[in-house]
Structure formats: structure tokens, C-alpha cells
N, C-alpha and C. Protein backbone atom coordinates (compact mmCIF):
# COMPACT_ATOMS: atom_id res chain seq x y z
N UNK A 1 16.85 49.56 -54.98
CA UNK A 1 16.30 49.19 -56.28
C UNK A 1 14.78 49.13 -56.16
N UNK A 2 14.09 49.67 -57.13
CA UNK A 2 12.64 49.73 -57.09
C UNK A 2 12.01 48.41 -57.53
N UNK A 3 10.74 48.28 -57.23
CA UNK A 3 10.00 47.08 -57.61
C UNK A 3 9.95 46.95 -59.13
N UNK A 4 9.82 48.10 -59.81
CA UNK A 4 9.78 48.11 -61.27
C UNK A 4 11.09 47.59 -61.85
N UNK A 5 12.22 48.08 -61.32
CA UNK A 5 13.53 47.64 -61.81
C UNK A 5 13.75 46.17 -61.54
N UNK A 6 13.32 45.69 -60.38
CA UNK A 6 13.46 44.27 -60.07
C UNK A 6 12.66 43.41 -61.04
N UNK A 7 11.44 43.87 -61.39
CA UNK A 7 10.61 43.12 -62.33
C UNK A 7 11.27 43.07 -63.71
N UNK A 8 11.81 44.20 -64.17
CA UNK A 8 12.48 44.24 -65.47
C UNK A 8 13.68 43.30 -65.49
N UNK A 9 14.47 43.31 -64.41
CA UNK A 9 15.63 42.43 -64.34
C UNK A 9 15.21 40.96 -64.33
N UNK A 10 14.15 40.65 -63.58
CA UNK A 10 13.69 39.26 -63.48
C UNK A 10 13.19 38.75 -64.83
N UNK A 11 12.50 39.61 -65.58
CA UNK A 11 11.95 39.21 -66.87
C UNK A 11 12.94 39.39 -68.02
N UNK A 12 14.05 40.07 -67.77
CA UNK A 12 15.05 40.28 -68.82
C UNK A 12 14.60 41.28 -69.87
N UNK A 13 13.94 42.35 -69.43
CA UNK A 13 13.44 43.36 -70.36
C UNK A 13 14.37 44.57 -70.35
N UNK A 14 14.78 45.00 -71.54
CA UNK A 14 15.62 46.17 -71.68
C UNK A 14 14.73 47.42 -71.72
N UNK A 15 15.18 48.49 -71.09
CA UNK A 15 14.36 49.70 -71.02
C UNK A 15 14.15 50.32 -72.40
N UNK A 16 15.08 50.13 -73.31
CA UNK A 16 14.91 50.69 -74.66
C UNK A 16 13.73 50.05 -75.36
N UNK A 17 13.48 48.76 -75.09
CA UNK A 17 12.32 48.09 -75.70
C UNK A 17 11.02 48.68 -75.17
N UNK A 18 11.01 49.10 -73.91
CA UNK A 18 9.81 49.71 -73.34
C UNK A 18 9.52 51.04 -74.02
N UNK A 19 10.57 51.83 -74.25
CA UNK A 19 10.38 53.12 -74.92
C UNK A 19 9.82 52.94 -76.33
N UNK A 20 10.37 51.97 -77.06
CA UNK A 20 9.92 51.73 -78.43
C UNK A 20 8.48 51.20 -78.45
N UNK A 21 8.17 50.29 -77.53
CA UNK A 21 6.82 49.74 -77.47
C UNK A 21 5.81 50.81 -77.11
N UNK A 22 6.17 51.69 -76.19
CA UNK A 22 5.27 52.76 -75.80
C UNK A 22 5.02 53.73 -76.95
N UNK A 23 6.06 54.04 -77.69
CA UNK A 23 5.90 54.95 -78.83
C UNK A 23 4.96 54.33 -79.87
N UNK A 24 5.11 53.02 -80.10
CA UNK A 24 4.26 52.35 -81.08
C UNK A 24 2.81 52.27 -80.58
N UNK A 25 2.61 52.02 -79.30
CA UNK A 25 1.27 51.86 -78.76
C UNK A 25 0.52 53.19 -78.63
N UNK A 26 1.21 54.22 -78.17
CA UNK A 26 0.54 55.46 -77.80
C UNK A 26 0.47 56.50 -78.90
N UNK A 27 1.21 56.34 -79.99
CA UNK A 27 1.20 57.37 -81.02
C UNK A 27 -0.16 57.42 -81.71
N UNK A 28 -0.55 58.63 -82.07
CA UNK A 28 -1.86 58.83 -82.69
C UNK A 28 -1.89 58.25 -84.09
N UNK A 29 -2.97 57.60 -84.40
CA UNK A 29 -3.21 57.02 -85.72
C UNK A 29 -4.34 57.82 -86.38
N UNK A 30 -4.54 57.64 -87.68
CA UNK A 30 -5.61 58.38 -88.35
C UNK A 30 -7.00 58.14 -87.74
N UNK A 31 -7.27 56.90 -87.29
CA UNK A 31 -8.59 56.64 -86.69
C UNK A 31 -8.76 57.40 -85.37
N UNK A 32 -7.65 57.61 -84.63
CA UNK A 32 -7.73 58.39 -83.39
C UNK A 32 -8.04 59.85 -83.69
N UNK A 33 -7.41 60.36 -84.73
CA UNK A 33 -7.67 61.75 -85.11
C UNK A 33 -9.12 61.94 -85.56
N UNK A 34 -9.67 60.94 -86.26
CA UNK A 34 -11.07 61.05 -86.69
C UNK A 34 -12.02 60.98 -85.49
N UNK A 35 -11.69 60.18 -84.49
CA UNK A 35 -12.53 60.11 -83.27
C UNK A 35 -12.51 61.45 -82.56
N UNK A 36 -11.33 62.07 -82.46
CA UNK A 36 -11.23 63.37 -81.81
C UNK A 36 -11.99 64.44 -82.59
N UNK A 37 -11.91 64.37 -83.92
CA UNK A 37 -12.63 65.33 -84.75
C UNK A 37 -14.14 65.16 -84.57
N UNK A 38 -14.61 63.95 -84.55
CA UNK A 38 -16.03 63.68 -84.34
C UNK A 38 -16.50 64.24 -83.00
N UNK A 39 -15.72 64.02 -81.96
CA UNK A 39 -16.09 64.55 -80.64
C UNK A 39 -16.12 66.07 -80.64
N UNK A 40 -15.14 66.69 -81.31
CA UNK A 40 -15.10 68.15 -81.37
C UNK A 40 -16.31 68.72 -82.09
N UNK A 41 -16.67 68.09 -83.22
CA UNK A 41 -17.81 68.60 -83.98
C UNK A 41 -19.12 68.37 -83.24
N UNK A 42 -19.23 67.25 -82.52
CA UNK A 42 -20.44 67.00 -81.75
C UNK A 42 -20.54 67.94 -80.55
N UNK A 43 -19.41 68.35 -80.03
CA UNK A 43 -19.40 69.28 -78.90
C UNK A 43 -19.87 70.66 -79.34
N UNK A 44 -19.49 71.05 -80.57
CA UNK A 44 -19.92 72.35 -81.09
C UNK A 44 -21.42 72.34 -81.38
N UNK A 45 -21.90 71.22 -81.90
CA UNK A 45 -23.31 71.11 -82.25
C UNK A 45 -24.08 70.65 -81.01
N UNK A 46 -24.66 71.58 -80.28
CA UNK A 46 -25.34 71.26 -79.03
C UNK A 46 -26.66 70.54 -79.26
N UNK A 47 -27.23 70.64 -80.44
CA UNK A 47 -28.51 69.99 -80.73
C UNK A 47 -28.35 68.48 -80.93
N UNK A 48 -27.15 68.05 -81.17
CA UNK A 48 -26.92 66.63 -81.45
C UNK A 48 -27.02 65.83 -80.16
N UNK A 49 -27.72 64.74 -80.21
CA UNK A 49 -27.88 63.88 -79.05
C UNK A 49 -27.02 62.62 -79.19
N UNK A 50 -26.23 62.53 -80.27
CA UNK A 50 -25.41 61.34 -80.50
C UNK A 50 -24.25 61.31 -79.53
N UNK A 51 -23.81 60.11 -79.24
CA UNK A 51 -22.63 59.91 -78.40
C UNK A 51 -21.40 60.27 -79.21
N UNK A 52 -20.33 60.65 -78.53
CA UNK A 52 -19.10 61.06 -79.19
C UNK A 52 -18.29 59.91 -79.74
N UNK A 53 -18.82 58.73 -79.73
CA UNK A 53 -18.08 57.57 -80.21
C UNK A 53 -17.83 56.60 -79.07
N UNK A 54 -17.87 55.34 -79.37
CA UNK A 54 -17.70 54.34 -78.33
C UNK A 54 -16.23 54.13 -77.99
N UNK A 55 -15.36 54.33 -78.97
CA UNK A 55 -13.95 54.06 -78.77
C UNK A 55 -13.25 55.29 -78.20
N UNK A 56 -12.24 55.03 -77.37
CA UNK A 56 -11.40 56.11 -76.86
C UNK A 56 -10.16 56.21 -77.75
N UNK A 57 -9.75 57.41 -78.09
CA UNK A 57 -8.52 57.55 -78.87
C UNK A 57 -7.30 57.32 -77.99
N UNK A 58 -6.18 57.02 -78.62
CA UNK A 58 -4.93 56.87 -77.88
C UNK A 58 -4.52 58.22 -77.32
N UNK A 59 -3.66 58.19 -76.34
CA UNK A 59 -3.28 59.44 -75.68
C UNK A 59 -2.36 60.30 -76.55
N UNK A 60 -1.53 59.67 -77.37
CA UNK A 60 -0.59 60.43 -78.18
C UNK A 60 0.64 60.84 -77.38
N UNK A 61 0.76 60.33 -76.15
CA UNK A 61 1.89 60.69 -75.29
C UNK A 61 2.64 59.42 -74.85
N UNK A 62 3.64 59.02 -75.59
CA UNK A 62 4.40 57.83 -75.18
C UNK A 62 5.25 58.11 -73.95
N UNK A 63 5.76 57.06 -73.35
CA UNK A 63 6.66 57.19 -72.20
C UNK A 63 7.96 57.84 -72.67
N UNK A 64 8.42 58.82 -71.91
CA UNK A 64 9.68 59.49 -72.22
C UNK A 64 10.77 58.98 -71.28
N UNK A 65 12.00 59.26 -71.62
CA UNK A 65 13.13 58.83 -70.80
C UNK A 65 13.05 59.30 -69.35
N UNK A 66 12.73 60.57 -69.08
CA UNK A 66 12.67 60.99 -67.67
C UNK A 66 11.62 60.22 -66.86
N UNK A 67 10.49 59.92 -67.47
CA UNK A 67 9.45 59.17 -66.77
C UNK A 67 9.93 57.75 -66.49
N UNK A 68 10.58 57.14 -67.45
CA UNK A 68 11.10 55.79 -67.25
C UNK A 68 12.18 55.78 -66.17
N UNK A 69 13.02 56.80 -66.16
CA UNK A 69 14.06 56.88 -65.13
C UNK A 69 13.46 57.05 -63.74
N UNK A 70 12.38 57.84 -63.63
CA UNK A 70 11.71 58.00 -62.33
C UNK A 70 11.13 56.67 -61.86
N UNK A 71 10.57 55.90 -62.78
CA UNK A 71 10.02 54.60 -62.41
C UNK A 71 11.11 53.64 -61.96
N UNK A 72 12.26 53.69 -62.61
CA UNK A 72 13.36 52.82 -62.24
C UNK A 72 13.92 53.19 -60.86
N UNK A 73 13.97 54.51 -60.58
CA UNK A 73 14.48 54.95 -59.28
C UNK A 73 13.45 54.76 -58.17
N UNK A 74 12.19 54.50 -58.53
CA UNK A 74 11.16 54.29 -57.52
C UNK A 74 10.51 55.57 -57.05
N UNK A 75 10.63 56.63 -57.81
CA UNK A 75 10.02 57.90 -57.44
C UNK A 75 8.53 57.90 -57.80
N UNK A 76 7.85 58.96 -57.39
CA UNK A 76 6.41 59.05 -57.63
C UNK A 76 6.11 59.24 -59.11
N UNK A 77 5.03 58.59 -59.55
CA UNK A 77 4.57 58.70 -60.93
C UNK A 77 3.07 58.95 -60.91
N UNK A 78 2.58 59.61 -61.94
CA UNK A 78 1.14 59.79 -62.05
C UNK A 78 0.48 58.48 -62.46
N UNK A 79 -0.81 58.40 -62.27
CA UNK A 79 -1.54 57.20 -62.65
C UNK A 79 -1.49 56.93 -64.14
N UNK A 80 -1.54 58.00 -64.93
CA UNK A 80 -1.48 57.85 -66.39
C UNK A 80 -0.13 57.29 -66.82
N UNK A 81 0.94 57.76 -66.18
CA UNK A 81 2.28 57.28 -66.53
C UNK A 81 2.42 55.81 -66.16
N UNK A 82 1.86 55.42 -65.01
CA UNK A 82 1.91 54.01 -64.61
C UNK A 82 1.16 53.14 -65.61
N UNK A 83 0.02 53.62 -66.06
CA UNK A 83 -0.78 52.85 -67.03
C UNK A 83 -0.04 52.70 -68.36
N UNK A 84 0.60 53.77 -68.81
CA UNK A 84 1.35 53.70 -70.06
C UNK A 84 2.53 52.75 -69.94
N UNK A 85 3.21 52.78 -68.77
CA UNK A 85 4.31 51.84 -68.54
C UNK A 85 3.80 50.40 -68.53
N UNK A 86 2.66 50.18 -67.91
CA UNK A 86 2.09 48.83 -67.85
C UNK A 86 1.76 48.32 -69.25
N UNK A 87 1.14 49.17 -70.08
CA UNK A 87 0.82 48.76 -71.45
C UNK A 87 2.07 48.43 -72.24
N UNK A 88 3.13 49.24 -72.07
CA UNK A 88 4.37 49.01 -72.81
C UNK A 88 5.05 47.72 -72.34
N UNK A 89 5.09 47.49 -71.03
CA UNK A 89 5.71 46.26 -70.50
C UNK A 89 4.92 45.05 -70.98
N UNK A 90 3.59 45.13 -70.95
CA UNK A 90 2.78 44.00 -71.41
C UNK A 90 2.97 43.73 -72.90
N UNK A 91 3.20 44.78 -73.69
CA UNK A 91 3.46 44.57 -75.12
C UNK A 91 4.78 43.84 -75.32
N UNK A 92 5.79 44.20 -74.54
CA UNK A 92 7.08 43.51 -74.65
C UNK A 92 6.94 42.06 -74.18
N UNK A 93 6.20 41.85 -73.09
CA UNK A 93 6.01 40.49 -72.58
C UNK A 93 5.24 39.63 -73.59
N UNK A 94 4.29 40.25 -74.29
CA UNK A 94 3.53 39.51 -75.29
C UNK A 94 4.45 39.06 -76.43
N UNK A 95 5.39 39.91 -76.81
CA UNK A 95 6.35 39.53 -77.84
C UNK A 95 7.23 38.37 -77.38
N UNK A 96 7.52 38.34 -76.09
CA UNK A 96 8.36 37.27 -75.54
C UNK A 96 7.55 36.04 -75.16
N UNK A 97 6.23 36.09 -75.43
CA UNK A 97 5.31 34.97 -75.14
C UNK A 97 5.33 34.62 -73.65
N UNK A 98 5.27 35.66 -72.83
CA UNK A 98 5.20 35.50 -71.39
C UNK A 98 3.88 36.07 -70.90
N UNK A 99 3.41 35.65 -69.71
CA UNK A 99 2.13 36.17 -69.21
C UNK A 99 2.21 37.66 -68.90
N UNK A 100 1.06 38.30 -69.00
CA UNK A 100 1.00 39.74 -68.77
C UNK A 100 1.21 40.08 -67.31
N UNK A 101 1.69 41.28 -67.07
CA UNK A 101 1.92 41.78 -65.72
C UNK A 101 0.71 42.61 -65.29
N UNK A 102 0.54 42.75 -64.00
CA UNK A 102 -0.50 43.63 -63.46
C UNK A 102 0.19 44.86 -62.86
N UNK A 103 -0.60 45.84 -62.53
CA UNK A 103 -0.05 47.07 -61.97
C UNK A 103 0.62 46.82 -60.63
N UNK A 104 0.10 45.88 -59.85
CA UNK A 104 0.71 45.57 -58.55
C UNK A 104 2.03 44.83 -58.71
N UNK A 105 2.25 44.16 -59.84
CA UNK A 105 3.53 43.50 -60.08
C UNK A 105 4.64 44.52 -60.31
N UNK A 106 4.27 45.64 -60.92
CA UNK A 106 5.28 46.64 -61.30
C UNK A 106 5.50 47.71 -60.26
N UNK A 107 4.44 48.11 -59.56
CA UNK A 107 4.56 49.26 -58.64
C UNK A 107 4.08 48.92 -57.25
């Protein structure tokens, strides 16, 4: 059993809640699309010295079932996938009014 699975069992978190939380957190919103558009237009206009925006847009890539299954089995994951899993787990923990987890707690 992986460290991630042990943490989920200890906290009583269902994997379906992680998938739903990740979809809600990572899906693109209109403000994210406008940030990306601003960066694209500034990139085309080389004379512009303005910054592309202070905020980073969301990734638009929620955690998928295969990625979650790899984490449960303890297989290798990319850094981005680990970060998305951490954000989703912390969102579920926040709903349960429990303290947030760190990356070392999960992996």
C-alpha cells in the first residue's frame, strides 16, 4: 500500500471526491482564458514592455482516473500531477475542516 493510499484511508477521503475537487479547481474559467489571451497578444506585440499579467491561469487539466490509480499504487508521477493531487486533497480536507496536507505527507 502506498503512502498516498494510507493517508487517504487515515483521513477517510474517498477517491471520487478527489476527482470532483480536482475538476472544480483545475477547470479553466473565463478569467483564465482572458489571462492567456493577454499573454498571447503581448507575445505577438514585441514592442510592448508590459508584463503578461501577475496571475497565473489554471492548468485546465484535472486529475484523471489513471493518474489517481498510479498514485494509489505508488507508481511514479510527474511533479505537476503530484501538485494537482495535493491541491485536490487539500480542498477536500478544507471541506472537512481538517488541517492541510503537505507534499511529504502524501508522497
